[in-house]
Amino acid sequence: MLAALGPPTCFPRLEFTGYTVIQLEPAVMSERKLPPWTPSQERVGNVVIRIMSALNIWAYRMSGGKIGGRFLRGAPVCLVTTTGRKSGQPRTAPLLYLADGERVVLVASKGGMSKHPVWYLNLVANPRCSVEIGREKRAMRARTASAEEKAALWPRLVAMYRDYDDYQSRTDREIPVVVLDPVA
């Protein structure tokens, strides 16, 4: 029955032999406002993130980043190891990153959930960390980007992974941008 309804008529359509392609305009994508995550969605999301992260870290390290080194639409992934602010133990997270010269730029989005990701809280407590890109591992020092730096970096981050704008619209918290500088 639903197939008989056809594609929505609110979007322009391109016709190809036997196929209908719906073309979304960029303005449509940037104007939508997603609802905030519910507490139960966040609980499930946290479990999914934990499981998928563990699998991604394992595959990334086994393959030197050939598996697990790219996310949706080709966004690059690195592994960031922090020191747990409560445990003092090393904690690794697979994160999207933007290479900015020698610096590595991260976004503490957690998919637009209501609380900052644990890796960000760990970096605030102890900014020393290590970053793995492929098989290369570097010692870095983290800092939260200033408002001016974030404004300059945000368009490049959204160009790399457009969902960041949706994540920011989902939450009342200001999503931090983190700059990792090499340790000399």
Protein backbone atom coordinates (compact mmCIF):
# COMPACT_ATOMS: atom_id res chain seq x y z
CA MET A 1 0.00 0.00 0.00
CA LEU A 2 2.77 2.47 0.91
CA ALA A 3 4.60 1.73 -2.32
CA ALA A 4 1.51 2.81 -4.24
CA LEU A 5 1.73 6.25 -2.66
CA GLY A 6 5.07 6.93 -4.35
CA PRO A 7 7.73 9.39 -3.20
CA PRO A 8 6.81 12.56 -1.30
CA THR A 9 5.78 15.41 -3.55
CA CYS A 10 7.38 18.14 -1.42
CA PHE A 11 10.83 17.51 -2.96
CA PRO A 12 11.91 18.03 -6.56
CA ARG A 13 12.22 14.74 -8.44
CA LEU A 14 14.65 13.64 -11.09
CA GLU A 15 13.33 10.92 -13.40
CA PHE A 16 15.58 8.16 -14.69
CA THR A 17 14.41 5.12 -16.60
CA GLY A 18 12.69 2.96 -14.02
CA TYR A 19 13.90 4.99 -11.02
CA THR A 20 12.81 8.11 -9.17
CA VAL A 21 15.50 10.03 -7.31
CA ILE A 22 14.47 12.63 -4.76
CA GLN A 23 16.80 15.60 -4.74
CA LEU A 24 17.11 17.36 -1.37
CA GLU A 25 18.15 20.98 -1.55
CA PRO A 26 20.95 22.02 0.87
CA ALA A 27 18.69 24.71 2.39
CA VAL A 28 16.15 22.03 3.35
CA MET A 29 18.82 20.08 5.23
CA SER A 30 20.20 23.06 7.19
CA GLU A 31 16.79 24.41 8.21
CA ARG A 32 15.48 21.27 9.87
CA LYS A 33 15.49 21.12 13.66
CA LEU A 34 15.67 17.69 15.19
CA PRO A 35 14.01 17.03 18.55
CA PRO A 36 16.25 16.50 21.58
CA TRP A 37 17.08 12.92 22.54
CA THR A 38 14.79 11.49 25.22
CA PRO A 39 16.41 10.06 28.38
CA SER A 40 15.63 6.50 27.24
CA GLN A 41 17.10 7.19 23.77
CA GLU A 42 20.25 8.52 25.44
CA ARG A 43 20.55 5.40 27.63
CA VAL A 44 20.26 3.12 24.60
CA GLY A 45 22.57 5.40 22.60
CA ASN A 46 25.24 5.24 25.31
CA VAL A 47 25.20 1.42 25.20
CA VAL A 48 25.35 1.38 21.39
CA ILE A 49 28.22 3.90 21.39
CA ARG A 50 30.15 1.82 23.94
CA ILE A 51 29.76 -1.43 21.95
CA MET A 52 30.44 0.10 18.53
CA SER A 53 33.46 1.99 19.90
CA ALA A 54 35.00 -1.19 21.30
CA LEU A 55 34.54 -2.96 17.96
CA ASN A 56 35.89 0.03 16.03
CA ILE A 57 38.99 0.31 18.24
CA TRP A 58 39.74 -3.39 17.81
CA ALA A 59 39.31 -3.31 14.01
CA TYR A 60 41.23 -0.03 13.68
CA ARG A 61 44.23 -1.34 15.61
CA MET A 62 44.23 -4.73 13.87
CA SER A 63 44.22 -3.11 10.43
CA GLY A 64 46.23 0.03 11.11
CA GLY A 65 43.17 2.15 10.39
CA LYS A 66 42.24 0.48 7.09
CA ILE A 67 39.09 -0.85 8.79
CA GLY A 68 37.31 1.66 11.01
CA GLY A 69 39.41 4.57 9.73
CA ARG A 70 36.49 6.23 7.91
CA PHE A 71 32.95 7.00 9.04
CA LEU A 72 29.87 8.10 7.12
CA ARG A 73 30.55 9.97 3.88
CA GLY A 74 34.29 9.38 4.32
CA ALA A 75 34.92 11.39 7.50
CA PRO A 76 38.32 10.34 8.92
CA VAL A 77 38.56 8.54 12.28
CA CYS A 78 41.42 8.59 14.77
CA LEU A 79 41.86 6.91 18.14
CA VAL A 80 42.30 9.25 21.11
CA THR A 81 43.58 7.83 24.38
CA THR A 82 42.92 9.89 27.49
CA THR A 83 43.46 9.28 31.19
CA GLY A 84 40.24 8.52 33.04
CA ARG A 85 39.49 11.41 35.40
CA LYS A 86 38.15 9.05 38.08
CA SER A 87 40.03 5.81 37.42
CA GLY A 88 43.39 7.14 36.25
CA GLN A 89 43.33 4.35 33.63
CA PRO A 90 43.87 4.84 29.88
CA ARG A 91 40.61 5.25 27.94
CA THR A 92 40.48 5.09 24.14
CA ALA A 93 37.74 6.51 21.93
CA PRO A 94 37.38 6.42 18.12
CA LEU A 95 36.62 9.98 17.04
CA LEU A 96 36.14 11.91 13.82
CA TYR A 97 38.91 14.43 13.31
CA LEU A 98 39.96 17.32 11.14
CA ALA A 99 43.67 17.62 10.38
CA ASP A 100 44.75 21.25 10.71
CA GLY A 101 48.46 21.29 9.99
CA GLU A 102 50.12 19.53 12.92
CA ARG A 103 46.97 20.01 15.01
CA VAL A 104 44.07 17.59 15.29
CA VAL A 105 40.58 19.05 15.77
CA LEU A 106 37.77 17.08 17.46
CA VAL A 107 34.11 17.79 18.15
CA ALA A 108 32.62 16.73 21.52
CA SER A 109 29.17 16.22 20.01
CA LYS A 110 28.11 12.79 21.33
CA GLY A 111 25.44 12.86 18.62
CA GLY A 112 23.79 15.92 20.15
CA MET A 113 23.03 14.22 23.47
CA SER A 114 22.46 16.34 26.58
CA LYS A 115 25.81 15.65 28.26
CA HIS A 116 29.40 15.99 27.13
CA PRO A 117 31.15 12.77 26.13
CA VAL A 118 33.35 11.18 28.79
CA TRP A 119 36.48 11.53 26.64
CA TYR A 120 35.98 15.31 26.64
CA LEU A 121 35.56 15.42 30.44
CA ASN A 122 38.75 13.34 30.74
CA LEU A 123 40.64 15.83 28.55
CA VAL A 124 39.38 18.78 30.58
CA ALA A 125 40.68 17.07 33.75
CA ASN A 126 43.98 15.98 32.15
CA PRO A 127 44.80 17.47 28.72
CA ARG A 128 47.65 15.08 27.93
CA CYS A 129 46.58 12.41 25.46
CA SER A 130 47.76 10.35 22.53
CA VAL A 131 46.31 10.19 19.03
CA GLU A 132 46.56 7.28 16.61
CA ILE A 133 46.08 8.03 12.93
CA GLY A 134 46.64 4.85 11.00
CA ARG A 135 49.65 3.21 12.66
CA GLU A 136 51.22 6.53 13.72
CA LYS A 137 50.84 7.46 17.39
CA ARG A 138 51.54 10.99 18.65
CA ALA A 139 51.55 12.62 22.08
CA MET A 140 49.23 15.63 22.16
CA ARG A 141 47.88 18.25 24.55
CA ALA A 142 44.19 19.17 24.38
CA ARG A 143 42.43 22.47 24.86
CA THR A 144 38.89 23.64 24.21
CA ALA A 145 38.79 26.02 21.25
CA SER A 146 37.85 29.60 22.00
CA ALA A 147 34.58 30.95 20.59
CA GLU A 148 36.54 32.66 17.79
CA GLU A 149 38.46 29.48 16.94
CA LYS A 150 35.26 27.44 16.96
CA ALA A 151 33.57 29.95 14.64
CA ALA A 152 36.52 29.66 12.23
CA LEU A 153 36.73 25.84 12.41
CA TRP A 154 33.01 24.99 12.44
CA PRO A 155 32.37 25.44 8.68
CA ARG A 156 35.29 23.10 7.90
CA LEU A 157 34.05 20.57 10.45
CA VAL A 158 30.52 20.65 8.99
CA ALA A 159 31.95 20.31 5.47
CA MET A 160 33.73 17.16 6.68
CA TYR A 161 30.68 15.78 8.54
CA ARG A 162 27.44 17.68 7.97
CA ASP A 163 25.58 16.01 10.86
CA TYR A 164 27.40 18.25 13.36
CA ASP A 165 24.93 21.06 12.59
CA ASP A 166 22.03 18.67 13.34
CA TYR A 167 23.69 17.59 16.58
CA GLN A 168 24.06 21.19 17.74
CA SER A 169 20.40 21.89 16.95
CA ARG A 170 19.37 18.84 19.03
CA THR A 171 20.89 20.01 22.29
CA ASP A 172 20.88 23.06 24.53
CA ARG A 173 24.53 22.57 25.47
CA GLU A 174 27.21 24.30 23.47
CA ILE A 175 29.10 21.51 21.69
CA PRO A 176 32.81 22.04 22.34
CA VAL A 177 35.47 21.93 19.66
CA VAL A 178 38.74 20.50 20.95
CA VAL A 179 42.14 21.35 19.52
CA LEU A 180 44.98 18.88 20.07
CA ASP A 181 48.44 20.37 19.75
CA PRO A 182 51.57 18.20 19.42
CA VAL A 183 53.69 17.91 22.55
CA ALA A 184 57.16 19.27 21.82
